[in-house]
Amino acid sequence: MRSERTSLFGEGLRAAFPVAVGYFPIAVAFGLLARSAGVPGSGAMALSVFVYAGASQFVAVNLMGLGASVAEIVLAVFVLNFRHFLMSSTLARRIAPGTSRARRALLAFGVTDETYAVASLRPEEVLSPAFLLGLNLFSYLSWVAGSFVGFFLASSLPDVFQKGMAIALYAMFIGLLVPSACKDRRVLVVALLSMAVNGLYRVSPLAAFGGGWGVLTATVAAALVGVRLFSSEAVSR
C-alpha cells in the first residue's frame, strides 16, 4: 500500500513539472514587483507562503504600493480567489473516499488554476490524495522558491528579461489547455464559452466591479452550461 502511494506521489510530481516550470518565472516577477513596490522581504514571502495565489498577490502588492487599507486588500484578494471555492468543491467530489478532513483541507490549499486543470482532466474518476499531494507540493515549492529568487537575487537581471517573465504563465496555461481541448470537444466548448463570457463581461458596465467577478462569472456560467450540455454523455460513459 505504501509503495502504491509513493508511486502515485511520484506521478503527481511528474504531472506538476510543466506547472512548476511555468510558475517559477512568474514568481520571480512577483518578487521583483514586490521589491520595487517597497514591500519588505518578510511580507513578500508571507504572501507566497500563506496566500499562494498569483493574481491576488500581484494585486495585493499593487494595492500596497498605492497605500490601500488592509480591508481593501483583503476584500480584493477574497474576490479574486472566490473561484477557488468552486474548484476545490469540484475536486473534493473525486477524492478517494475515507480521506480525512485535515488532508482534504491541505489538498484544497494547494489548488490553483493550473493544478486544478491538471487534476480535473485526469482520466480516472477517483483521484488519489497522494497524487494530488505530489501535484500541489511541487507547484507550491516552485512558486515559493521563485518568489525568493525574485525578491532577493534577481534584481540585477536586465529589464527586458524581467518583463519577459510576465508571459510565462499564459504560455503555460495554453500548453495545458490546448492538448486537452484537441482530444475532447467538451473541454473545447467549455473553454470557448468561458472566454466569451469573460470577454462580454469586460466590455460591459459590470467591468467596473473588477476583473475577479468576470473570472467568477465566466467560470460559473461555463460550468453550468457544460453540465447541461454534456451530463448525459458523462452518464452514458
C-alpha atoms as a PDB file:
ATOM      1  CA  MET A   1       0.000   0.000   0.000  1.00  0.00           C
ATOM      2  CA  ARG A   2       2.785   2.387   0.896  1.00  0.00           C
ATOM      3  CA  SER A   3       4.614   1.620  -2.352  1.00  0.00           C
ATOM      4  CA  GLU A   4       1.430   2.394  -4.279  1.00  0.00           C
ATOM      5  CA  ARG A   5       1.079   5.763  -2.519  1.00  0.00           C
ATOM      6  CA  THR A   6       4.735   6.508  -3.229  1.00  0.00           C
ATOM      7  CA  SER A   7       4.214   5.690  -6.894  1.00  0.00           C
ATOM      8  CA  LEU A   8       1.150   7.932  -7.106  1.00  0.00           C
ATOM      9  CA  PHE A   9       3.002  10.720  -5.297  1.00  0.00           C
ATOM     10  CA  GLY A  10       5.790  10.461  -7.858  1.00  0.00           C
ATOM     11  CA  GLU A  11       3.223  10.545 -10.647  1.00  0.00           C
ATOM     12  CA  GLY A  12       1.849  13.754  -9.141  1.00  0.00           C
ATOM     13  CA  LEU A  13       5.345  15.249  -9.100  1.00  0.00           C
ATOM     14  CA  ARG A  14       5.802  14.401 -12.780  1.00  0.00           C
ATOM     15  CA  ALA A  15       2.401  15.845 -13.680  1.00  0.00           C
ATOM     16  CA  ALA A  16       3.339  19.040 -11.828  1.00  0.00           C
ATOM     17  CA  PHE A  17       6.578  19.552 -13.753  1.00  0.00           C
ATOM     18  CA  PRO A  18       5.168  21.820 -16.517  1.00  0.00           C
ATOM     19  CA  VAL A  19       3.232  23.781 -13.904  1.00  0.00           C
ATOM     20  CA  ALA A  20       6.328  24.224 -11.741  1.00  0.00           C
ATOM     21  CA  VAL A  21       8.392  25.312 -14.745  1.00  0.00           C
ATOM     22  CA  GLY A  22       5.756  27.910 -15.599  1.00  0.00           C
ATOM     23  CA  TYR A  23       5.333  29.091 -12.026  1.00  0.00           C
ATOM     24  CA  PHE A  24       8.988  29.804 -11.338  1.00  0.00           C
ATOM     25  CA  PRO A  25       9.490  32.795 -13.676  1.00  0.00           C
ATOM     26  CA  ILE A  26       6.119  34.280 -12.710  1.00  0.00           C
ATOM     27  CA  ALA A  27       7.061  34.013  -9.041  1.00  0.00           C
ATOM     28  CA  VAL A  28      10.383  35.670  -9.853  1.00  0.00           C
ATOM     29  CA  ALA A  29       8.438  38.504 -11.493  1.00  0.00           C
ATOM     30  CA  PHE A  30       6.274  38.761  -8.367  1.00  0.00           C
ATOM     31  CA  GLY A  31       9.341  39.005  -6.152  1.00  0.00           C
ATOM     32  CA  LEU A  32      10.766  41.746  -8.354  1.00  0.00           C
ATOM     33  CA  LEU A  33       7.490  43.673  -8.277  1.00  0.00           C
ATOM     34  CA  ALA A  34       7.207  43.355  -4.507  1.00  0.00           C
ATOM     35  CA  ARG A  35      10.739  44.651  -4.077  1.00  0.00           C
ATOM     36  CA  SER A  36      10.160  47.616  -6.418  1.00  0.00           C
ATOM     37  CA  ALA A  37       6.920  48.440  -4.577  1.00  0.00           C
ATOM     38  CA  GLY A  38       8.762  48.685  -1.276  1.00  0.00           C
ATOM     39  CA  VAL A  39       7.208  45.600   0.297  1.00  0.00           C
ATOM     40  CA  PRO A  40       9.560  44.116   2.920  1.00  0.00           C
ATOM     41  CA  GLY A  41      11.011  40.696   2.214  1.00  0.00           C
ATOM     42  CA  SER A  42       9.110  39.090   5.066  1.00  0.00           C
ATOM     43  CA  GLY A  43       5.826  40.454   3.701  1.00  0.00           C
ATOM     44  CA  ALA A  44       6.506  39.310   0.148  1.00  0.00           C
ATOM     45  CA  MET A  45       7.463  35.816   1.274  1.00  0.00           C
ATOM     46  CA  ALA A  46       4.451  35.619   3.612  1.00  0.00           C
ATOM     47  CA  LEU A  47       2.173  36.324   0.643  1.00  0.00           C
ATOM     48  CA  SER A  48       3.710  33.457  -1.325  1.00  0.00           C
ATOM     49  CA  VAL A  49       3.802  31.033   1.600  1.00  0.00           C
ATOM     50  CA  PHE A  50       0.346  31.702   3.065  1.00  0.00           C
ATOM     51  CA  VAL A  51      -1.738  33.203   0.227  1.00  0.00           C
ATOM     52  CA  TYR A  52      -0.208  31.306  -2.713  1.00  0.00           C
ATOM     53  CA  ALA A  53      -2.341  32.891  -5.417  1.00  0.00           C
ATOM     54  CA  GLY A  54      -0.504  34.592  -8.225  1.00  0.00           C
ATOM     55  CA  ALA A  55      -3.068  37.101  -9.492  1.00  0.00           C
ATOM     56  CA  SER A  56      -4.117  38.012  -5.954  1.00  0.00           C
ATOM     57  CA  GLN A  57      -0.525  38.524  -4.881  1.00  0.00           C
ATOM     58  CA  PHE A  58       0.174  40.880  -7.774  1.00  0.00           C
ATOM     59  CA  VAL A  59      -2.989  42.825  -6.963  1.00  0.00           C
ATOM     60  CA  ALA A  60      -2.133  42.935  -3.254  1.00  0.00           C
ATOM     61  CA  VAL A  61       1.349  44.292  -3.947  1.00  0.00           C
ATOM     62  CA  ASN A  62      -0.044  46.945  -6.296  1.00  0.00           C
ATOM     63  CA  LEU A  63      -2.582  47.985  -3.674  1.00  0.00           C
ATOM     64  CA  MET A  64       0.142  48.144  -1.039  1.00  0.00           C
ATOM     65  CA  GLY A  65       2.117  50.434  -3.297  1.00  0.00           C
ATOM     66  CA  LEU A  66      -0.951  52.659  -3.678  1.00  0.00           C
ATOM     67  CA  GLY A  67      -1.407  52.838   0.099  1.00  0.00           C
ATOM     68  CA  ALA A  68      -4.682  50.901   0.191  1.00  0.00           C
ATOM     69  CA  SER A  69      -6.104  49.839   3.549  1.00  0.00           C
ATOM     70  CA  VAL A  70      -5.849  46.312   4.876  1.00  0.00           C
ATOM     71  CA  ALA A  71      -9.614  45.879   4.435  1.00  0.00           C
ATOM     72  CA  GLU A  72      -9.428  46.841   0.742  1.00  0.00           C
ATOM     73  CA  ILE A  73      -6.560  44.436   0.115  1.00  0.00           C
ATOM     74  CA  VAL A  74      -8.288  41.561   1.913  1.00  0.00           C
ATOM     75  CA  LEU A  75     -11.561  42.156   0.032  1.00  0.00           C
ATOM     76  CA  ALA A  76      -9.789  42.317  -3.339  1.00  0.00           C
ATOM     77  CA  VAL A  77      -7.916  39.078  -2.655  1.00  0.00           C
ATOM     78  CA  PHE A  78     -11.126  37.387  -1.488  1.00  0.00           C
ATOM     79  CA  VAL A  79     -12.998  38.348  -4.657  1.00  0.00           C
ATOM     80  CA  LEU A  80     -10.173  37.216  -6.927  1.00  0.00           C
ATOM     81  CA  ASN A  81      -9.836  33.922  -5.073  1.00  0.00           C
ATOM     82  CA  PHE A  82     -13.555  33.147  -4.815  1.00  0.00           C
ATOM     83  CA  ARG A  83     -13.279  30.762  -7.748  1.00  0.00           C
ATOM     84  CA  HIS A  84     -11.116  28.516  -5.553  1.00  0.00           C
ATOM     85  CA  PHE A  85     -14.268  27.512  -3.655  1.00  0.00           C
ATOM     86  CA  LEU A  86     -15.695  26.168  -6.906  1.00  0.00           C
ATOM     87  CA  MET A  87     -12.517  24.400  -7.959  1.00  0.00           C
ATOM     88  CA  SER A  88     -11.945  22.804  -4.557  1.00  0.00           C
ATOM     89  CA  SER A  89     -15.576  21.701  -4.323  1.00  0.00           C
ATOM     90  CA  THR A  90     -15.350  20.036  -7.725  1.00  0.00           C
ATOM     91  CA  LEU A  91     -12.155  18.154  -6.890  1.00  0.00           C
ATOM     92  CA  ALA A  92     -13.457  17.170  -3.446  1.00  0.00           C
ATOM     93  CA  ARG A  93     -16.145  15.051  -5.119  1.00  0.00           C
ATOM     94  CA  ARG A  94     -13.460  12.995  -6.858  1.00  0.00           C
ATOM     95  CA  ILE A  95     -11.061  12.450  -3.950  1.00  0.00           C
ATOM     96  CA  ALA A  96     -10.861   8.884  -2.708  1.00  0.00           C
ATOM     97  CA  PRO A  97     -13.480   8.095  -0.036  1.00  0.00           C
ATOM     98  CA  GLY A  98     -12.183   7.950   3.509  1.00  0.00           C
ATOM     99  CA  THR A  99      -9.758  10.837   3.069  1.00  0.00           C
ATOM    100  CA  SER A 100      -9.688  12.798   6.333  1.00  0.00           C
ATOM    101  CA  ARG A 101     -10.897  16.392   6.553  1.00  0.00           C
ATOM    102  CA  ALA A 102      -7.416  17.561   7.567  1.00  0.00           C
ATOM    103  CA  ARG A 103      -5.907  16.023   4.436  1.00  0.00           C
ATOM    104  CA  ARG A 104      -8.697  17.428   2.273  1.00  0.00           C
ATOM    105  CA  ALA A 105      -8.021  20.888   3.715  1.00  0.00           C
ATOM    106  CA  LEU A 106      -4.305  20.523   2.977  1.00  0.00           C
ATOM    107  CA  LEU A 107      -5.041  19.488  -0.606  1.00  0.00           C
ATOM    108  CA  ALA A 108      -7.521  22.358  -1.020  1.00  0.00           C
ATOM    109  CA  PHE A 109      -4.821  24.860  -0.030  1.00  0.00           C
ATOM    110  CA  GLY A 110      -2.697  23.711  -2.961  1.00  0.00           C
ATOM    111  CA  VAL A 111      -5.422  24.090  -5.590  1.00  0.00           C
ATOM    112  CA  THR A 112      -4.645  26.731  -8.211  1.00  0.00           C
ATOM    113  CA  ASP A 113      -5.987  27.343 -11.707  1.00  0.00           C
ATOM    114  CA  GLU A 114      -3.211  25.240 -13.220  1.00  0.00           C
ATOM    115  CA  THR A 115      -3.160  22.355 -10.735  1.00  0.00           C
ATOM    116  CA  TYR A 116      -6.947  22.224 -10.983  1.00  0.00           C
ATOM    117  CA  ALA A 117      -6.674  21.984 -14.768  1.00  0.00           C
ATOM    118  CA  VAL A 118      -4.199  19.109 -14.490  1.00  0.00           C
ATOM    119  CA  ALA A 119      -6.232  17.254 -11.838  1.00  0.00           C
ATOM    120  CA  SER A 120      -9.663  17.782 -13.388  1.00  0.00           C
ATOM    121  CA  LEU A 121      -8.518  16.453 -16.757  1.00  0.00           C
ATOM    122  CA  ARG A 122      -7.209  13.188 -15.302  1.00  0.00           C
ATOM    123  CA  PRO A 123      -8.997  10.200 -16.845  1.00  0.00           C
ATOM    124  CA  GLU A 124      -9.621   8.316 -13.587  1.00  0.00           C
ATOM    125  CA  GLU A 125     -12.884   9.051 -11.771  1.00  0.00           C
ATOM    126  CA  VAL A 126     -11.338   8.840  -8.265  1.00  0.00           C
ATOM    127  CA  LEU A 127      -8.274  10.973  -7.558  1.00  0.00           C
ATOM    128  CA  SER A 128      -5.649   9.701  -5.152  1.00  0.00           C
ATOM    129  CA  PRO A 129      -4.678  12.076  -2.306  1.00  0.00           C
ATOM    130  CA  ALA A 130      -1.058  11.006  -2.842  1.00  0.00           C
ATOM    131  CA  PHE A 131      -1.192  12.094  -6.492  1.00  0.00           C
ATOM    132  CA  LEU A 132      -2.782  15.437  -5.597  1.00  0.00           C
ATOM    133  CA  LEU A 133      -0.220  15.991  -2.853  1.00  0.00           C
ATOM    134  CA  GLY A 134       2.654  15.484  -5.286  1.00  0.00           C
ATOM    135  CA  LEU A 135       0.993  17.738  -7.857  1.00  0.00           C
ATOM    136  CA  ASN A 136       0.294  20.518  -5.391  1.00  0.00           C
ATOM    137  CA  LEU A 137       3.536  20.299  -3.411  1.00  0.00           C
ATOM    138  CA  PHE A 138       5.899  20.578  -6.380  1.00  0.00           C
ATOM    139  CA  SER A 139       3.930  23.519  -7.781  1.00  0.00           C
ATOM    140  CA  TYR A 140       3.842  25.241  -4.388  1.00  0.00           C
ATOM    141  CA  LEU A 141       7.574  24.844  -3.749  1.00  0.00           C
ATOM    142  CA  SER A 142       8.349  26.203  -7.215  1.00  0.00           C
ATOM    143  CA  TRP A 143       6.247  29.289  -6.528  1.00  0.00           C
ATOM    144  CA  VAL A 144       7.799  29.958  -3.120  1.00  0.00           C
ATOM    145  CA  ALA A 145      11.334  29.403  -4.432  1.00  0.00           C
ATOM    146  CA  GLY A 146      10.720  31.703  -7.393  1.00  0.00           C
ATOM    147  CA  SER A 147       9.406  34.426  -5.104  1.00  0.00           C
ATOM    148  CA  PHE A 148      12.559  34.180  -3.000  1.00  0.00           C
ATOM    149  CA  VAL A 149      14.811  34.367  -6.039  1.00  0.00           C
ATOM    150  CA  GLY A 150      12.869  37.287  -7.479  1.00  0.00           C
ATOM    151  CA  PHE A 151      12.965  39.349  -4.317  1.00  0.00           C
ATOM    152  CA  PHE A 152      16.467  38.640  -3.083  1.00  0.00           C
ATOM    153  CA  LEU A 153      18.535  37.601  -6.116  1.00  0.00           C
ATOM    154  CA  ALA A 154      17.044  38.706  -9.450  1.00  0.00           C
ATOM    155  CA  SER A 155      17.119  42.496  -9.072  1.00  0.00           C
ATOM    156  CA  SER A 156      20.308  42.605 -11.177  1.00  0.00           C
ATOM    157  CA  LEU A 157      18.659  40.965 -14.211  1.00  0.00           C
ATOM    158  CA  PRO A 158      18.222  43.095 -17.379  1.00  0.00           C
ATOM    159  CA  ASP A 159      14.862  44.872 -17.637  1.00  0.00           C
ATOM    160  CA  VAL A 160      13.962  43.092 -20.885  1.00  0.00           C
ATOM    161  CA  PHE A 161      14.427  39.689 -19.255  1.00  0.00           C
ATOM    162  CA  GLN A 162      12.413  40.715 -16.196  1.00  0.00           C
ATOM    163  CA  LYS A 163       9.463  41.928 -18.282  1.00  0.00           C
ATOM    164  CA  GLY A 164       9.539  38.836 -20.481  1.00  0.00           C
ATOM    165  CA  MET A 165       8.777  36.652 -17.473  1.00  0.00           C
ATOM    166  CA  ALA A 166       5.246  38.036 -17.319  1.00  0.00           C
ATOM    167  CA  ILE A 167       4.071  35.991 -20.339  1.00  0.00           C
ATOM    168  CA  ALA A 168       5.242  32.630 -18.979  1.00  0.00           C
ATOM    169  CA  LEU A 169       2.053  31.930 -17.019  1.00  0.00           C
ATOM    170  CA  TYR A 170      -0.151  32.462 -20.071  1.00  0.00           C
ATOM    171  CA  ALA A 171       2.064  30.247 -22.207  1.00  0.00           C
ATOM    172  CA  MET A 172       1.970  27.503 -19.573  1.00  0.00           C
ATOM    173  CA  PHE A 173      -1.829  27.565 -19.264  1.00  0.00           C
ATOM    174  CA  ILE A 174      -2.245  27.444 -23.036  1.00  0.00           C
ATOM    175  CA  GLY A 175       0.107  24.467 -23.086  1.00  0.00           C
ATOM    176  CA  LEU A 176      -2.107  22.680 -20.575  1.00  0.00           C
ATOM    177  CA  LEU A 177      -5.413  23.578 -22.248  1.00  0.00           C
ATOM    178  CA  VAL A 178      -4.770  23.060 -25.956  1.00  0.00           C
ATOM    179  CA  PRO A 179      -3.862  19.327 -25.904  1.00  0.00           C
ATOM    180  CA  SER A 180      -6.929  18.527 -23.783  1.00  0.00           C
ATOM    181  CA  ALA A 181      -9.188  20.657 -25.993  1.00  0.00           C
ATOM    182  CA  CYS A 182      -7.893  18.841 -29.080  1.00  0.00           C
ATOM    183  CA  LYS A 183      -8.704  15.456 -27.544  1.00  0.00           C
ATOM    184  CA  ASP A 184     -12.102  16.285 -26.051  1.00  0.00           C
ATOM    185  CA  ARG A 185     -14.620  18.615 -27.674  1.00  0.00           C
ATOM    186  CA  ARG A 186     -16.330  19.149 -24.308  1.00  0.00           C
ATOM    187  CA  VAL A 187     -13.182  20.822 -22.968  1.00  0.00           C
ATOM    188  CA  LEU A 188     -13.008  22.982 -26.110  1.00  0.00           C
ATOM    189  CA  VAL A 189     -16.650  24.067 -25.863  1.00  0.00           C
ATOM    190  CA  VAL A 190     -16.440  24.937 -22.153  1.00  0.00           C
ATOM    191  CA  ALA A 191     -13.144  26.814 -22.647  1.00  0.00           C
ATOM    192  CA  LEU A 192     -14.525  28.867 -25.554  1.00  0.00           C
ATOM    193  CA  LEU A 193     -17.710  29.610 -23.631  1.00  0.00           C
ATOM    194  CA  SER A 194     -15.820  30.811 -20.581  1.00  0.00           C
ATOM    195  CA  MET A 195     -13.652  33.065 -22.759  1.00  0.00           C
ATOM    196  CA  ALA A 196     -16.733  34.504 -24.449  1.00  0.00           C
ATOM    197  CA  VAL A 197     -18.491  35.226 -21.138  1.00  0.00           C
ATOM    198  CA  ASN A 198     -15.381  36.832 -19.681  1.00  0.00           C
ATOM    199  CA  GLY A 199     -14.923  38.914 -22.831  1.00  0.00           C
ATOM    200  CA  LEU A 200     -18.523  40.153 -22.677  1.00  0.00           C
ATOM    201  CA  TYR A 201     -18.090  40.992 -19.001  1.00  0.00           C
ATOM    202  CA  ARG A 202     -15.009  43.095 -19.684  1.00  0.00           C
ATOM    203  CA  VAL A 203     -16.779  45.259 -22.271  1.00  0.00           C
ATOM    204  CA  SER A 204     -19.924  45.630 -20.166  1.00  0.00           C
ATOM    205  CA  PRO A 205     -20.579  48.196 -17.416  1.00  0.00           C
ATOM    206  CA  LEU A 206     -20.113  45.376 -14.885  1.00  0.00           C
ATOM    207  CA  ALA A 207     -16.370  45.529 -15.524  1.00  0.00           C
ATOM    208  CA  ALA A 208     -16.261  48.444 -13.087  1.00  0.00           C
ATOM    209  CA  PHE A 209     -16.662  45.911 -10.264  1.00  0.00           C
ATOM    210  CA  GLY A 210     -13.289  44.364 -11.099  1.00  0.00           C
ATOM    211  CA  GLY A 211     -11.826  41.544 -13.160  1.00  0.00           C
ATOM    212  CA  GLY A 212     -12.244  38.986 -10.383  1.00  0.00           C
ATOM    213  CA  TRP A 213     -16.011  38.974 -10.827  1.00  0.00           C
ATOM    214  CA  GLY A 214     -15.560  38.424 -14.554  1.00  0.00           C
ATOM    215  CA  VAL A 215     -13.492  35.298 -13.942  1.00  0.00           C
ATOM    216  CA  LEU A 216     -16.035  34.067 -11.412  1.00  0.00           C
ATOM    217  CA  THR A 217     -18.988  34.757 -13.733  1.00  0.00           C
ATOM    218  CA  ALA A 218     -17.294  33.023 -16.653  1.00  0.00           C
ATOM    219  CA  THR A 219     -16.397  30.011 -14.514  1.00  0.00           C
ATOM    220  CA  VAL A 220     -19.913  29.540 -13.161  1.00  0.00           C
ATOM    221  CA  ALA A 221     -21.640  30.145 -16.496  1.00  0.00           C
ATOM    222  CA  ALA A 222     -19.355  27.793 -18.432  1.00  0.00           C
ATOM    223  CA  ALA A 223     -19.621  25.110 -15.765  1.00  0.00           C
ATOM    224  CA  LEU A 224     -23.422  25.271 -15.687  1.00  0.00           C
ATOM    225  CA  VAL A 225     -23.746  25.153 -19.465  1.00  0.00           C
ATOM    226  CA  GLY A 226     -21.179  22.359 -19.648  1.00  0.00           C
ATOM    227  CA  VAL A 227     -23.154  20.284 -17.168  1.00  0.00           C
ATOM    228  CA  ARG A 228     -26.358  20.996 -19.067  1.00  0.00           C
ATOM    229  CA  LEU A 229     -24.882  20.025 -22.417  1.00  0.00           C
ATOM    230  CA  PHE A 230     -22.681  17.092 -21.505  1.00  0.00           C
ATOM    231  CA  SER A 231     -24.070  15.487 -18.342  1.00  0.00           C
ATOM    232  CA  SER A 232     -25.923  12.860 -20.380  1.00  0.00           C
ATOM    233  CA  GLU A 233     -22.705  11.952 -22.205  1.00  0.00           C
ATOM    234  CA  ALA A 234     -20.839  11.530 -18.932  1.00  0.00           C
ATOM    235  CA  VAL A 235     -23.555   9.213 -17.602  1.00  0.00           C
ATOM    236  CA  SER A 236     -23.566   7.098 -20.768  1.00  0.00           C
ATOM    237  CA  ARG A 237     -19.821   6.595 -20.456  1.00  0.00           C
END
